[in-house]
Amino acid sequence: MAIFYDDGNARGGFAINISRLNPNSQWANHSYNHFVLMHIYRNSPDTREKIQAGKELEIAERKMKFWERQSRFNQAEADMWRKEIYQM
């Protein structure tokens, strides 16, 4: 059961040219996922769901850090994307 992220090996399948992606909007997407997963982790009465959310929190954090390392990443712009898209 995956909430947002498959915790298997996601490297097989298809190639993505990350230079064509906006690192700020990508970070905002994973930041939102992190927010939702944290809520599930803290509040779910279902132990299995909490365990899954905990695993996916690590994935979301890893993905956010990846986008933060990109040269075009700008925290203020990423925050703007998050606010504009997710109203948070």
C-alpha atoms as a PDB file:
ATOM      1  CA  MET A   1       0.000   0.000   0.000  1.00  0.00           C
ATOM      2  CA  ALA A   2       1.597   3.252  -1.115  1.00  0.00           C
ATOM      3  CA  ILE A   3       0.256   6.652  -0.101  1.00  0.00           C
ATOM      4  CA  PHE A   4       2.361   8.790  -2.470  1.00  0.00           C
ATOM      5  CA  TYR A   5       5.578   6.902  -3.156  1.00  0.00           C
ATOM      6  CA  ASP A   6       6.279   3.312  -4.084  1.00  0.00           C
ATOM      7  CA  ASP A   7       8.975   2.153  -1.697  1.00  0.00           C
ATOM      8  CA  GLY A   8      10.336  -0.301  -4.269  1.00  0.00           C
ATOM      9  CA  ASN A   9      13.028   0.364  -6.849  1.00  0.00           C
ATOM     10  CA  ALA A  10      11.675   3.254  -8.919  1.00  0.00           C
ATOM     11  CA  ARG A  11      14.813   3.542 -11.074  1.00  0.00           C
ATOM     12  CA  GLY A  12      13.728   1.068 -13.718  1.00  0.00           C
ATOM     13  CA  GLY A  13      11.218   2.036 -16.358  1.00  0.00           C
ATOM     14  CA  PHE A  14      11.711   5.383 -18.013  1.00  0.00           C
ATOM     15  CA  ALA A  15      14.273   8.173 -18.104  1.00  0.00           C
ATOM     16  CA  ILE A  16      13.487  11.748 -17.147  1.00  0.00           C
ATOM     17  CA  ASN A  17      15.591  14.725 -18.161  1.00  0.00           C
ATOM     18  CA  ILE A  18      15.542  16.595 -14.848  1.00  0.00           C
ATOM     19  CA  SER A  19      17.084  19.697 -16.402  1.00  0.00           C
ATOM     20  CA  ARG A  20      13.711  20.318 -18.063  1.00  0.00           C
ATOM     21  CA  LEU A  21      11.866  20.292 -14.717  1.00  0.00           C
ATOM     22  CA  ASN A  22      11.404  23.292 -12.445  1.00  0.00           C
ATOM     23  CA  PRO A  23      13.198  22.385  -9.199  1.00  0.00           C
ATOM     24  CA  ASN A  24      11.061  24.836  -7.230  1.00  0.00           C
ATOM     25  CA  SER A  25       7.728  23.336  -8.269  1.00  0.00           C
ATOM     26  CA  GLN A  26       9.105  19.809  -7.820  1.00  0.00           C
ATOM     27  CA  TRP A  27      10.240  20.695  -4.294  1.00  0.00           C
ATOM     28  CA  ALA A  28       6.793  22.190  -3.574  1.00  0.00           C
ATOM     29  CA  ASN A  29       5.108  18.929  -4.651  1.00  0.00           C
ATOM     30  CA  HIS A  30       7.285  16.819  -2.364  1.00  0.00           C
ATOM     31  CA  SER A  31       6.910  19.365   0.442  1.00  0.00           C
ATOM     32  CA  TYR A  32       3.137  19.003   0.237  1.00  0.00           C
ATOM     33  CA  ASN A  33       3.446  15.215   0.247  1.00  0.00           C
ATOM     34  CA  HIS A  34       5.686  15.502   3.310  1.00  0.00           C
ATOM     35  CA  PHE A  35       3.069  17.643   5.071  1.00  0.00           C
ATOM     36  CA  VAL A  36       0.281  15.119   4.387  1.00  0.00           C
ATOM     37  CA  LEU A  37       2.450  12.148   5.323  1.00  0.00           C
ATOM     38  CA  MET A  38       3.439  13.819   8.604  1.00  0.00           C
ATOM     39  CA  HIS A  39      -0.242  14.332   9.416  1.00  0.00           C
ATOM     40  CA  ILE A  40      -0.986  10.663   8.716  1.00  0.00           C
ATOM     41  CA  TYR A  41       2.062   9.545  10.710  1.00  0.00           C
ATOM     42  CA  ARG A  42       1.027  11.600  13.745  1.00  0.00           C
ATOM     43  CA  ASN A  43      -2.729  11.042  13.652  1.00  0.00           C
ATOM     44  CA  SER A  44      -3.664   7.758  11.992  1.00  0.00           C
ATOM     45  CA  PRO A  45      -5.131   5.098  14.270  1.00  0.00           C
ATOM     46  CA  ASP A  46      -3.973   2.426  11.769  1.00  0.00           C
ATOM     47  CA  THR A  47      -0.516   1.085  12.674  1.00  0.00           C
ATOM     48  CA  ARG A  48       0.183  -0.179   9.154  1.00  0.00           C
ATOM     49  CA  GLU A  49      -0.684   3.214   7.695  1.00  0.00           C
ATOM     50  CA  LYS A  50       1.627   4.923  10.206  1.00  0.00           C
ATOM     51  CA  ILE A  51       4.487   2.595   9.281  1.00  0.00           C
ATOM     52  CA  GLN A  52       3.928   3.256   5.563  1.00  0.00           C
ATOM     53  CA  ALA A  53       3.738   7.018   6.145  1.00  0.00           C
ATOM     54  CA  GLY A  54       7.032   6.843   8.068  1.00  0.00           C
ATOM     55  CA  LYS A  55       8.731   5.073   5.162  1.00  0.00           C
ATOM     56  CA  GLU A  56       7.366   7.581   2.686  1.00  0.00           C
ATOM     57  CA  LEU A  57       8.393  10.529   4.875  1.00  0.00           C
ATOM     58  CA  GLU A  58      11.996   9.462   4.350  1.00  0.00           C
ATOM     59  CA  ILE A  59      11.432   9.332   0.590  1.00  0.00           C
ATOM     60  CA  ALA A  60       9.813  12.790   0.559  1.00  0.00           C
ATOM     61  CA  GLU A  61      12.697  14.243   2.585  1.00  0.00           C
ATOM     62  CA  ARG A  62      15.242  12.661   0.244  1.00  0.00           C
ATOM     63  CA  LYS A  63      13.461  14.067  -2.804  1.00  0.00           C
ATOM     64  CA  MET A  64      13.191  17.557  -1.255  1.00  0.00           C
ATOM     65  CA  LYS A  65      16.931  17.531  -0.495  1.00  0.00           C
ATOM     66  CA  PHE A  66      17.649  16.430  -4.066  1.00  0.00           C
ATOM     67  CA  TRP A  67      15.788  19.431  -5.511  1.00  0.00           C
ATOM     68  CA  GLU A  68      17.434  21.771  -2.982  1.00  0.00           C
ATOM     69  CA  ARG A  69      20.835  20.789  -4.422  1.00  0.00           C
ATOM     70  CA  GLN A  70      19.907  21.825  -7.970  1.00  0.00           C
ATOM     71  CA  SER A  71      21.517  25.040  -9.189  1.00  0.00           C
ATOM     72  CA  ARG A  72      18.205  26.642 -10.182  1.00  0.00           C
ATOM     73  CA  PHE A  73      16.583  25.964  -6.800  1.00  0.00           C
ATOM     74  CA  ASN A  74      15.426  29.072  -4.946  1.00  0.00           C
ATOM     75  CA  GLN A  75      13.770  28.577  -1.541  1.00  0.00           C
ATOM     76  CA  ALA A  76      11.648  31.737  -1.788  1.00  0.00           C
ATOM     77  CA  GLU A  77      10.312  30.693  -5.190  1.00  0.00           C
ATOM     78  CA  ALA A  78       9.715  27.130  -3.967  1.00  0.00           C
ATOM     79  CA  ASP A  79       7.734  28.485  -1.024  1.00  0.00           C
ATOM     80  CA  MET A  80       5.735  30.638  -3.453  1.00  0.00           C
ATOM     81  CA  TRP A  81       4.943  27.573  -5.576  1.00  0.00           C
ATOM     82  CA  ARG A  82       3.825  25.668  -2.475  1.00  0.00           C
ATOM     83  CA  LYS A  83       1.611  28.551  -1.359  1.00  0.00           C
ATOM     84  CA  GLU A  84       0.135  29.102  -4.812  1.00  0.00           C
ATOM     85  CA  ILE A  85      -0.555  25.455  -5.639  1.00  0.00           C
ATOM     86  CA  TYR A  86      -1.395  24.048  -2.208  1.00  0.00           C
ATOM     87  CA  GLN A  87      -2.467  27.157  -0.261  1.00  0.00           C
ATOM     88  CA  MET A  88       0.000  26.374   2.516  1.00  0.00           C
END
